[in-house]
Amino acid sequence: MPLFSFGKKNKIKKMLEDGKIEEVVRKALEDKKVRKQLIELLHDENQGIVGDSLIAISTLLRENPNAIEFEEDIVKDILKLLNSKTAYVRDGAMALSLEIARLYGDKFRNVFKDTIERNLKEGDKNIVAFSLLLIRELKLAELKDEVKRFVDIEDKVMLPFEGMRWVKLGDIAKETLNSL
């Protein structure tokens, strides 16, 4: 037995490094400590590990929506990752943010709204498009005027969702308005 144990966190990180996301998800379904470690790995310096953790958590939520008890700070941390310079992390943050909005939108409505408002002003066209999807998911009718600003934008965006590659930003804005 080693004198110092680095625990499961390093084991989970190693599994992610080895591409064993499904195995990590399986362990997380059974063990609350693994779920907590996945959340902690969102702060890892290795962006690949952060991206893998986001994917694992998203998959975990699809398997068991109650697997993780999200708190406001965790949701804020995930939303901050939307602005990552690493595409893999940004895409994973989008997938997980949308899943959290679907499952817990009412609980974190104000947290999402603050981020959406900021991203509509400061984000690139892909972040703006994603923010429009969140507005639609959360039914944020109070942001209708903001959404209208993007209706005539012809620029195409790429989002990490089926049917959302090379879609006009204006088309997403129109669909969002129609749903509000």
N, C-alpha and C. Protein backbone atom coordinates (compact mmCIF):
# COMPACT_ATOMS: atom_id res chain seq x y z
N MET A 1 0.86 -1.18 0.00
CA MET A 1 0.00 0.00 0.00
C MET A 1 0.89 1.24 0.00
N PRO A 2 0.63 2.17 -0.91
CA PRO A 2 1.48 3.36 -0.99
C PRO A 2 1.27 4.26 0.22
N LEU A 3 2.32 5.01 0.52
CA LEU A 3 2.26 5.92 1.65
C LEU A 3 1.25 7.05 1.40
N PHE A 4 1.27 7.58 0.18
CA PHE A 4 0.34 8.65 -0.18
C PHE A 4 -0.59 8.15 -1.27
N SER A 5 -1.87 8.38 -1.09
CA SER A 5 -2.83 7.97 -2.11
C SER A 5 -3.39 9.23 -2.77
N PHE A 6 -3.36 9.24 -4.07
CA PHE A 6 -3.89 10.39 -4.79
C PHE A 6 -5.36 10.20 -5.11
N GLY A 7 -5.93 9.09 -4.67
CA GLY A 7 -7.35 8.89 -4.75
C GLY A 7 -7.91 8.68 -6.14
N LYS A 8 -9.23 8.69 -6.15
CA LYS A 8 -9.96 8.39 -7.38
C LYS A 8 -9.86 9.51 -8.41
N LYS A 9 -9.65 10.74 -7.94
CA LYS A 9 -9.63 11.86 -8.89
C LYS A 9 -8.59 11.62 -9.98
N ASN A 10 -7.39 11.21 -9.58
CA ASN A 10 -6.36 10.93 -10.57
C ASN A 10 -6.72 9.71 -11.41
N LYS A 11 -7.41 8.74 -10.79
CA LYS A 11 -7.84 7.55 -11.53
C LYS A 11 -8.87 7.95 -12.59
N ILE A 12 -9.81 8.80 -12.22
CA ILE A 12 -10.83 9.27 -13.16
C ILE A 12 -10.16 10.09 -14.27
N LYS A 13 -9.25 10.95 -13.89
CA LYS A 13 -8.53 11.76 -14.89
C LYS A 13 -7.78 10.85 -15.86
N LYS A 14 -7.13 9.83 -15.35
CA LYS A 14 -6.38 8.90 -16.19
C LYS A 14 -7.33 8.17 -17.15
N MET A 15 -8.48 7.78 -16.65
CA MET A 15 -9.47 7.11 -17.50
C MET A 15 -9.91 8.04 -18.63
N LEU A 16 -10.13 9.31 -18.31
CA LEU A 16 -10.51 10.27 -19.34
C LEU A 16 -9.38 10.44 -20.35
N GLU A 17 -8.15 10.53 -19.85
CA GLU A 17 -6.99 10.65 -20.75
C GLU A 17 -6.89 9.46 -21.69
N ASP A 18 -7.33 8.29 -21.21
CA ASP A 18 -7.28 7.07 -22.02
C ASP A 18 -8.53 6.89 -22.89
N GLY A 19 -9.41 7.90 -22.90
CA GLY A 19 -10.59 7.86 -23.76
C GLY A 19 -11.70 6.95 -23.25
N LYS A 20 -11.73 6.69 -21.97
CA LYS A 20 -12.72 5.77 -21.40
C LYS A 20 -13.90 6.54 -20.79
N ILE A 21 -14.48 7.42 -21.57
CA ILE A 21 -15.58 8.26 -21.07
C ILE A 21 -16.77 7.41 -20.64
N GLU A 22 -17.12 6.40 -21.45
CA GLU A 22 -18.27 5.56 -21.11
C GLU A 22 -18.07 4.86 -19.77
N GLU A 23 -16.85 4.40 -19.52
CA GLU A 23 -16.55 3.73 -18.25
C GLU A 23 -16.65 4.72 -17.09
N VAL A 24 -16.19 5.94 -17.30
CA VAL A 24 -16.29 6.97 -16.27
C VAL A 24 -17.76 7.25 -15.97
N VAL A 25 -18.58 7.34 -17.01
CA VAL A 25 -20.02 7.59 -16.82
C VAL A 25 -20.64 6.44 -16.03
N ARG A 26 -20.29 5.21 -16.38
CA ARG A 26 -20.81 4.04 -15.66
C ARG A 26 -20.45 4.12 -14.17
N LYS A 27 -19.19 4.46 -13.89
CA LYS A 27 -18.75 4.58 -12.49
C LYS A 27 -19.48 5.74 -11.79
N ALA A 28 -19.69 6.83 -12.52
CA ALA A 28 -20.36 8.00 -11.94
C ALA A 28 -21.82 7.71 -11.61
N LEU A 29 -22.45 6.85 -12.40
CA LEU A 29 -23.83 6.47 -12.11
C LEU A 29 -23.93 5.73 -10.78
N GLU A 30 -22.85 5.04 -10.41
CA GLU A 30 -22.84 4.22 -9.20
C GLU A 30 -22.25 4.93 -7.99
N ASP A 31 -21.41 5.95 -8.21
CA ASP A 31 -20.62 6.51 -7.12
C ASP A 31 -20.68 8.04 -7.12
N LYS A 32 -21.23 8.59 -6.06
CA LYS A 32 -21.36 10.04 -5.92
C LYS A 32 -20.00 10.74 -5.92
N LYS A 33 -18.97 10.08 -5.38
CA LYS A 33 -17.63 10.67 -5.35
C LYS A 33 -17.08 10.87 -6.76
N VAL A 34 -17.37 9.95 -7.65
CA VAL A 34 -16.92 10.09 -9.04
C VAL A 34 -17.62 11.28 -9.68
N ARG A 35 -18.90 11.45 -9.39
CA ARG A 35 -19.64 12.60 -9.93
C ARG A 35 -19.01 13.91 -9.45
N LYS A 36 -18.68 13.96 -8.17
CA LYS A 36 -18.05 15.15 -7.61
C LYS A 36 -16.69 15.41 -8.27
N GLN A 37 -15.95 14.36 -8.52
CA GLN A 37 -14.63 14.50 -9.16
C GLN A 37 -14.76 15.02 -10.59
N LEU A 38 -15.80 14.59 -11.29
CA LEU A 38 -16.02 15.11 -12.64
C LEU A 38 -16.24 16.62 -12.61
N ILE A 39 -16.99 17.09 -11.63
CA ILE A 39 -17.22 18.53 -11.47
C ILE A 39 -15.90 19.23 -11.17
N GLU A 40 -15.09 18.65 -10.30
CA GLU A 40 -13.79 19.24 -9.97
C GLU A 40 -12.87 19.30 -11.19
N LEU A 41 -12.96 18.31 -12.06
CA LEU A 41 -12.10 18.28 -13.25
C LEU A 41 -12.46 19.36 -14.27
N LEU A 42 -13.57 20.05 -14.07
CA LEU A 42 -13.92 21.18 -14.95
C LEU A 42 -12.92 22.33 -14.77
N HIS A 43 -12.13 22.26 -13.71
CA HIS A 43 -11.12 23.29 -13.44
C HIS A 43 -9.71 22.81 -13.75
N ASP A 44 -9.59 21.67 -14.39
CA ASP A 44 -8.27 21.11 -14.71
C ASP A 44 -7.55 22.01 -15.71
N GLU A 45 -6.23 22.03 -15.63
CA GLU A 45 -5.45 22.86 -16.57
C GLU A 45 -5.42 22.27 -17.97
N ASN A 46 -5.62 20.96 -18.08
CA ASN A 46 -5.64 20.28 -19.37
C ASN A 46 -7.03 20.45 -19.99
N GLN A 47 -7.12 21.22 -21.06
CA GLN A 47 -8.41 21.51 -21.68
C GLN A 47 -9.09 20.26 -22.24
N GLY A 48 -8.31 19.27 -22.63
CA GLY A 48 -8.89 18.01 -23.08
C GLY A 48 -9.65 17.31 -21.97
N ILE A 49 -9.10 17.35 -20.76
CA ILE A 49 -9.77 16.76 -19.60
C ILE A 49 -11.04 17.53 -19.28
N VAL A 50 -10.99 18.85 -19.38
CA VAL A 50 -12.18 19.67 -19.14
C VAL A 50 -13.27 19.30 -20.15
N GLY A 51 -12.91 19.20 -21.42
CA GLY A 51 -13.88 18.83 -22.46
C GLY A 51 -14.46 17.45 -22.23
N ASP A 52 -13.60 16.49 -21.89
CA ASP A 52 -14.08 15.13 -21.61
C ASP A 52 -15.01 15.11 -20.40
N SER A 53 -14.69 15.90 -19.38
CA SER A 53 -15.55 15.97 -18.19
C SER A 53 -16.92 16.53 -18.55
N LEU A 54 -16.94 17.55 -19.40
CA LEU A 54 -18.21 18.13 -19.84
C LEU A 54 -19.06 17.08 -20.57
N ILE A 55 -18.42 16.32 -21.44
CA ILE A 55 -19.14 15.28 -22.18
C ILE A 55 -19.64 14.20 -21.23
N ALA A 56 -18.79 13.79 -20.30
CA ALA A 56 -19.18 12.76 -19.34
C ALA A 56 -20.37 13.22 -18.49
N ILE A 57 -20.34 14.47 -18.05
CA ILE A 57 -21.44 14.99 -17.23
C ILE A 57 -22.72 15.08 -18.06
N SER A 58 -22.62 15.52 -19.31
CA SER A 58 -23.80 15.58 -20.19
C SER A 58 -24.41 14.20 -20.37
N THR A 59 -23.55 13.22 -20.63
CA THR A 59 -24.02 11.84 -20.81
C THR A 59 -24.66 11.33 -19.53
N LEU A 60 -24.04 11.63 -18.42
CA LEU A 60 -24.56 11.23 -17.11
C LEU A 60 -25.97 11.79 -16.89
N LEU A 61 -26.17 13.04 -17.25
CA LEU A 61 -27.49 13.67 -17.07
C LEU A 61 -28.55 13.03 -17.96
N ARG A 62 -28.14 12.63 -19.17
CA ARG A 62 -29.10 11.96 -20.05
C ARG A 62 -29.47 10.59 -19.48
N GLU A 63 -28.52 9.92 -18.84
CA GLU A 63 -28.78 8.60 -18.23
C GLU A 63 -29.62 8.74 -16.96
N ASN A 64 -29.28 9.74 -16.15
CA ASN A 64 -29.97 9.95 -14.88
C ASN A 64 -30.01 11.45 -14.58
N PRO A 65 -31.11 12.11 -14.91
CA PRO A 65 -31.21 13.57 -14.73
C PRO A 65 -30.97 14.06 -13.30
N ASN A 66 -31.11 13.18 -12.33
CA ASN A 66 -30.93 13.58 -10.93
C ASN A 66 -29.56 13.18 -10.38
N ALA A 67 -28.66 12.77 -11.25
CA ALA A 67 -27.37 12.25 -10.80
C ALA A 67 -26.51 13.30 -10.10
N ILE A 68 -26.61 14.54 -10.55
CA ILE A 68 -25.77 15.60 -9.99
C ILE A 68 -26.67 16.69 -9.41
N GLU A 69 -26.35 17.09 -8.20
CA GLU A 69 -27.07 18.20 -7.57
C GLU A 69 -26.34 19.49 -7.95
N PHE A 70 -26.87 20.17 -8.94
CA PHE A 70 -26.23 21.40 -9.40
C PHE A 70 -26.52 22.54 -8.45
N GLU A 71 -25.48 23.32 -8.21
CA GLU A 71 -25.60 24.54 -7.43
C GLU A 71 -25.28 25.70 -8.37
N GLU A 72 -25.66 26.89 -7.98
CA GLU A 72 -25.48 28.06 -8.83
C GLU A 72 -24.02 28.25 -9.25
N ASP A 73 -23.09 28.04 -8.34
CA ASP A 73 -21.67 28.23 -8.67
C ASP A 73 -21.21 27.27 -9.76
N ILE A 74 -21.68 26.03 -9.70
CA ILE A 74 -21.30 25.04 -10.72
C ILE A 74 -21.85 25.46 -12.08
N VAL A 75 -23.10 25.89 -12.11
CA VAL A 75 -23.72 26.32 -13.37
C VAL A 75 -22.97 27.53 -13.93
N LYS A 76 -22.62 28.47 -13.06
CA LYS A 76 -21.85 29.64 -13.52
C LYS A 76 -20.51 29.22 -14.11
N ASP A 77 -19.84 28.27 -13.47
CA ASP A 77 -18.55 27.78 -13.99
C ASP A 77 -18.71 27.16 -15.37
N ILE A 78 -19.77 26.38 -15.54
CA ILE A 78 -20.02 25.74 -16.84
C ILE A 78 -20.32 26.80 -17.89
N LEU A 79 -21.12 27.80 -17.54
CA LEU A 79 -21.45 28.86 -18.49
C LEU A 79 -20.22 29.69 -18.87
N LYS A 80 -19.28 29.85 -17.95
CA LYS A 80 -18.03 30.56 -18.28
C LYS A 80 -17.25 29.81 -19.35
N LEU A 81 -17.35 28.50 -19.35
CA LEU A 81 -16.62 27.69 -20.33
C LEU A 81 -17.16 27.87 -21.75
N LEU A 82 -18.32 28.50 -21.90
CA LEU A 82 -18.85 28.81 -23.24
C LEU A 82 -17.90 29.73 -24.00
N ASN A 83 -17.10 30.48 -23.28
CA ASN A 83 -16.18 31.43 -23.91
C ASN A 83 -14.75 30.91 -23.99
N SER A 84 -14.58 29.62 -23.81
CA SER A 84 -13.24 29.01 -23.90
C SER A 84 -12.69 29.18 -25.31
N LYS A 85 -11.39 29.35 -25.40
CA LYS A 85 -10.73 29.43 -26.71
C LYS A 85 -10.60 28.05 -27.35
N THR A 86 -10.78 27.00 -26.56
CA THR A 86 -10.68 25.63 -27.05
C THR A 86 -12.06 25.17 -27.53
N ALA A 87 -12.17 24.86 -28.81
CA ALA A 87 -13.46 24.49 -29.40
C ALA A 87 -14.08 23.28 -28.71
N TYR A 88 -13.28 22.30 -28.35
CA TYR A 88 -13.78 21.09 -27.70
C TYR A 88 -14.45 21.43 -26.37
N VAL A 89 -13.85 22.32 -25.62
CA VAL A 89 -14.42 22.75 -24.34
C VAL A 89 -15.68 23.57 -24.58
N ARG A 90 -15.62 24.49 -25.52
CA ARG A 90 -16.77 25.35 -25.83
C ARG A 90 -17.97 24.50 -26.27
N ASP A 91 -17.72 23.53 -27.16
CA ASP A 91 -18.81 22.66 -27.63
C ASP A 91 -19.39 21.83 -26.49
N GLY A 92 -18.51 21.30 -25.64
CA GLY A 92 -18.98 20.53 -24.49
C GLY A 92 -19.78 21.38 -23.52
N ALA A 93 -19.35 22.62 -23.33
CA ALA A 93 -20.07 23.54 -22.45
C ALA A 93 -21.45 23.87 -23.02
N MET A 94 -21.52 24.00 -24.35
CA MET A 94 -22.82 24.25 -24.98
C MET A 94 -23.76 23.08 -24.75
N ALA A 95 -23.27 21.87 -24.98
CA ALA A 95 -24.11 20.68 -24.82
C ALA A 95 -24.59 20.54 -23.37
N LEU A 96 -23.68 20.72 -22.42
CA LEU A 96 -24.06 20.58 -21.02
C LEU A 96 -24.97 21.73 -20.57
N SER A 97 -24.70 22.94 -21.01
CA SER A 97 -25.54 24.09 -20.64
C SER A 97 -26.97 23.89 -21.13
N LEU A 98 -27.12 23.41 -22.36
CA LEU A 98 -28.45 23.19 -22.90
C LEU A 98 -29.17 22.08 -22.12
N GLU A 99 -28.44 21.05 -21.75
CA GLU A 99 -29.02 19.96 -20.96
C GLU A 99 -29.47 20.48 -19.58
N ILE A 100 -28.65 21.30 -18.95
CA ILE A 100 -29.01 21.88 -17.65
C ILE A 100 -30.22 22.79 -17.81
N ALA A 101 -30.26 23.57 -18.89
CA ALA A 101 -31.41 24.45 -19.13
C ALA A 101 -32.69 23.63 -19.29
N ARG A 102 -32.60 22.51 -19.98
CA ARG A 102 -33.77 21.64 -20.17
C ARG A 102 -34.26 21.07 -18.84
N LEU A 103 -33.31 20.63 -18.04
CA LEU A 103 -33.67 19.94 -16.80
C LEU A 103 -33.95 20.88 -15.62
N TYR A 104 -33.17 21.94 -15.52
CA TYR A 104 -33.21 22.81 -14.34
C TYR A 104 -33.36 24.29 -14.69
N GLY A 105 -33.92 24.56 -15.84
CA GLY A 105 -34.03 25.93 -16.32
C GLY A 105 -34.69 26.88 -15.35
N ASP A 106 -35.78 26.44 -14.74
CA ASP A 106 -36.49 27.32 -13.81
C ASP A 106 -35.63 27.66 -12.60
N LYS A 107 -34.90 26.68 -12.11
CA LYS A 107 -34.08 26.87 -10.92
C LYS A 107 -32.94 27.87 -11.17
N PHE A 108 -32.37 27.82 -12.38
CA PHE A 108 -31.21 28.67 -12.68
C PHE A 108 -31.52 29.73 -13.74
N ARG A 109 -32.77 30.08 -13.85
CA ARG A 109 -33.22 31.03 -14.88
C ARG A 109 -32.41 32.34 -14.86
N ASN A 110 -32.23 32.92 -13.70
CA ASN A 110 -31.52 34.21 -13.61
C ASN A 110 -30.04 34.08 -13.96
N VAL A 111 -29.44 32.97 -13.57
CA VAL A 111 -28.03 32.73 -13.91
C VAL A 111 -27.88 32.65 -15.43
N PHE A 112 -28.77 31.89 -16.06
CA PHE A 112 -28.74 31.78 -17.52
C PHE A 112 -29.01 33.14 -18.17
N LYS A 113 -30.00 33.85 -17.65
CA LYS A 113 -30.38 35.13 -18.26
C LYS A 113 -29.21 36.12 -18.23
N ASP A 114 -28.51 36.20 -17.12
CA ASP A 114 -27.36 37.11 -17.02
C ASP A 114 -26.30 36.76 -18.06
N THR A 115 -26.00 35.48 -18.19
CA THR A 115 -25.00 35.03 -19.16
C THR A 115 -25.47 35.29 -20.59
N ILE A 116 -26.73 35.01 -20.86
CA ILE A 116 -27.28 35.23 -22.20
C ILE A 116 -27.19 36.70 -22.58
N GLU A 117 -27.60 37.58 -21.69
CA GLU A 117 -27.56 39.01 -22.00
C GLU A 117 -26.14 39.47 -22.30
N ARG A 118 -25.19 39.00 -21.52
CA ARG A 118 -23.78 39.36 -21.75
C ARG A 118 -23.29 38.79 -23.09
N ASN A 119 -23.63 37.54 -23.36
CA ASN A 119 -23.16 36.90 -24.60
C ASN A 119 -23.80 37.49 -25.85
N LEU A 120 -25.01 37.98 -25.74
CA LEU A 120 -25.65 38.63 -26.90
C LEU A 120 -24.92 39.91 -27.27
N LYS A 121 -24.32 40.55 -26.28
CA LYS A 121 -23.59 41.80 -26.53
C LYS A 121 -22.13 41.56 -26.89
N GLU A 122 -21.49 40.59 -26.23
CA GLU A 122 -20.05 40.43 -26.35
C GLU A 122 -19.60 39.18 -27.11
N GLY A 123 -20.49 38.23 -27.33
CA GLY A 123 -20.10 36.96 -27.91
C GLY A 123 -19.93 37.00 -29.42
N ASP A 124 -19.19 36.01 -29.94
CA ASP A 124 -19.09 35.88 -31.40
C ASP A 124 -20.42 35.32 -31.92
N LYS A 125 -20.54 35.20 -33.23
CA LYS A 125 -21.83 34.81 -33.81
C LYS A 125 -22.29 33.42 -33.35
N ASN A 126 -21.35 32.51 -33.09
CA ASN A 126 -21.74 31.18 -32.63
C ASN A 126 -22.27 31.22 -31.20
N ILE A 127 -21.66 32.04 -30.36
CA ILE A 127 -22.14 32.19 -28.98
C ILE A 127 -23.50 32.90 -28.97
N VAL A 128 -23.67 33.88 -29.85
CA VAL A 128 -24.96 34.56 -29.97
C VAL A 128 -26.03 33.55 -30.39
N ALA A 129 -25.72 32.72 -31.38
CA ALA A 129 -26.67 31.71 -31.85
C ALA A 129 -27.03 30.75 -30.72
N PHE A 130 -26.03 30.32 -29.97
CA PHE A 130 -26.31 29.43 -28.85
C PHE A 130 -27.17 30.12 -27.80
N SER A 131 -26.90 31.39 -27.55
CA SER A 131 -27.70 32.15 -26.59
C SER A 131 -29.16 32.22 -27.04
N LEU A 132 -29.36 32.32 -28.34
CA LEU A 132 -30.73 32.32 -28.88
C LEU A 132 -31.41 30.97 -28.60
N LEU A 133 -30.66 29.88 -28.72
CA LEU A 133 -31.22 28.56 -28.40
C LEU A 133 -31.61 28.48 -26.92
N LEU A 134 -30.78 29.05 -26.07
CA LEU A 134 -31.10 29.07 -24.63
C LEU A 134 -32.34 29.91 -24.36
N ILE A 135 -32.46 31.05 -25.04
CA ILE A 135 -33.65 31.89 -24.88
C ILE A 135 -34.89 31.09 -25.25
N ARG A 136 -34.80 30.34 -26.34
CA ARG A 136 -35.93 29.52 -26.79
C ARG A 136 -36.24 28.44 -25.75
N GLU A 137 -35.21 27.76 -25.28
CA GLU A 137 -35.40 26.66 -24.32
C GLU A 137 -36.01 27.17 -23.01
N LEU A 138 -35.54 28.33 -22.55
CA LEU A 138 -35.99 28.88 -21.26
C LEU A 138 -37.22 29.77 -21.39
N LYS A 139 -37.68 29.97 -22.62
CA LYS A 139 -38.85 30.83 -22.87
C LYS A 139 -38.68 32.21 -22.24
N LEU A 140 -37.54 32.84 -22.54
CA LEU A 140 -37.24 34.17 -21.99
C LEU A 140 -37.85 35.25 -22.87
N ALA A 141 -39.17 35.36 -22.82
CA ALA A 141 -39.90 36.32 -23.65
C ALA A 141 -39.46 37.76 -23.39
N GLU A 142 -38.94 38.03 -22.21
CA GLU A 142 -38.50 39.39 -21.89
C GLU A 142 -37.29 39.82 -22.73
N LEU A 143 -36.67 38.88 -23.42
CA LEU A 143 -35.52 39.21 -24.28
C LEU A 143 -35.90 39.29 -25.76
N LYS A 144 -37.19 39.37 -26.03
CA LYS A 144 -37.69 39.41 -27.41
C LYS A 144 -37.05 40.52 -28.24
N ASP A 145 -36.93 41.70 -27.65
CA ASP A 145 -36.34 42.82 -28.39
C ASP A 145 -34.88 42.55 -28.76
N GLU A 146 -34.15 41.89 -27.87
CA GLU A 146 -32.77 41.52 -28.17
C GLU A 146 -32.72 40.53 -29.33
N VAL A 147 -33.63 39.57 -29.32
CA VAL A 147 -33.67 38.55 -30.37
C VAL A 147 -33.96 39.19 -31.72
N LYS A 148 -34.84 40.17 -31.75
CA LYS A 148 -35.22 40.83 -33.01
C LYS A 148 -34.03 41.46 -33.71
N ARG A 149 -33.02 41.87 -32.95
CA ARG A 149 -31.82 42.49 -33.55
C ARG A 149 -31.09 41.56 -34.51
N PHE A 150 -31.29 40.26 -34.36
CA PHE A 150 -30.52 39.28 -35.13
C PHE A 150 -31.30 38.66 -36.29
N VAL A 151 -32.57 39.02 -36.45
CA VAL A 151 -33.42 38.39 -37.45
C VAL A 151 -32.88 38.54 -38.88
N ASP A 152 -32.29 39.66 -39.20
CA ASP A 152 -31.83 39.89 -40.57
C ASP A 152 -30.36 39.54 -40.80
N ILE A 153 -29.72 38.92 -39.85
CA ILE A 153 -28.30 38.56 -39.99
C ILE A 153 -28.18 37.32 -40.86
N GLU A 154 -27.42 37.44 -41.93
CA GLU A 154 -27.24 36.34 -42.88
C GLU A 154 -26.05 35.45 -42.56
N ASP A 155 -25.18 35.88 -41.63
CA ASP A 155 -23.99 35.08 -41.29
C ASP A 155 -24.40 33.68 -40.86
N LYS A 156 -23.62 32.70 -41.30
CA LYS A 156 -23.91 31.32 -40.93
C LYS A 156 -23.08 30.93 -39.71
N VAL A 157 -23.69 30.08 -38.88
CA VAL A 157 -23.05 29.64 -37.65
C VAL A 157 -22.93 28.12 -37.64
N MET A 158 -22.05 27.65 -36.78
CA MET A 158 -21.88 26.21 -36.58
C MET A 158 -22.00 25.92 -35.09
N LEU A 159 -23.01 25.16 -34.74
CA LEU A 159 -23.19 24.76 -33.35
C LEU A 159 -23.08 23.24 -33.25
N PRO A 160 -22.69 22.73 -32.09
CA PRO A 160 -22.45 21.29 -31.96
C PRO A 160 -23.72 20.46 -31.74
N PHE A 161 -24.76 20.78 -32.51
CA PHE A 161 -26.02 20.07 -32.39
C PHE A 161 -26.48 19.64 -33.78
N GLU A 162 -27.19 18.54 -33.82
CA GLU A 162 -27.69 18.03 -35.09
C GLU A 162 -28.56 19.09 -35.77
N GLY A 163 -28.31 19.30 -37.05
CA GLY A 163 -29.07 20.28 -37.82
C GLY A 163 -28.66 21.72 -37.60
N MET A 164 -27.58 21.94 -36.88
CA MET A 164 -27.14 23.30 -36.57
C MET A 164 -25.77 23.63 -37.16
N ARG A 165 -25.46 23.06 -38.29
CA ARG A 165 -24.20 23.37 -38.97
C ARG A 165 -24.53 24.21 -40.19
N TRP A 166 -23.87 25.35 -40.29
CA TRP A 166 -24.05 26.27 -41.40
C TRP A 166 -25.50 26.75 -41.52
N VAL A 167 -26.03 27.18 -40.39
CA VAL A 167 -27.38 27.73 -40.32
C VAL A 167 -27.25 29.24 -40.17
N LYS A 168 -28.13 29.97 -40.84
CA LYS A 168 -28.10 31.44 -40.73
C LYS A 168 -28.52 31.87 -39.32
N LEU A 169 -27.76 32.79 -38.77
CA LEU A 169 -28.07 33.33 -37.45
C LEU A 169 -29.48 33.91 -37.44
N GLY A 170 -29.86 34.58 -38.51
CA GLY A 170 -31.20 35.16 -38.61
C GLY A 170 -32.30 34.11 -38.55
N ASP A 171 -32.04 32.93 -39.14
CA ASP A 171 -33.04 31.86 -39.10
C ASP A 171 -33.24 31.35 -37.67
N ILE A 172 -32.15 31.25 -36.92
CA ILE A 172 -32.26 30.82 -35.52
C ILE A 172 -33.04 31.88 -34.72
N ALA A 173 -32.76 33.15 -35.00
CA ALA A 173 -33.48 34.24 -34.32
C ALA A 173 -34.98 34.18 -34.63
N LYS A 174 -35.32 33.94 -35.90
CA LYS A 174 -36.74 33.85 -36.29
C LYS A 174 -37.43 32.70 -35.58
N GLU A 175 -36.78 31.53 -35.55
CA GLU A 175 -37.36 30.38 -34.86
C GLU A 175 -37.53 30.66 -33.37
N THR A 176 -36.57 31.35 -32.81
CA THR A 176 -36.65 31.70 -31.38
C THR A 176 -37.83 32.64 -31.13
N LEU A 177 -37.97 33.66 -31.97
CA LEU A 177 -39.10 34.58 -31.82
C LEU A 177 -40.43 33.85 -31.94
N ASN A 178 -40.53 32.95 -32.90
CA ASN A 178 -41.78 32.20 -33.10
C ASN A 178 -42.13 31.33 -31.90
N SER A 179 -41.13 30.91 -31.14
CA SER A 179 -41.39 30.03 -30.00
C SER A 179 -41.72 30.81 -28.71
N LEU A 180 -41.49 32.12 -28.73
CA LEU A 180 -41.73 32.91 -27.51
C LEU A 180 -43.17 33.39 -27.41
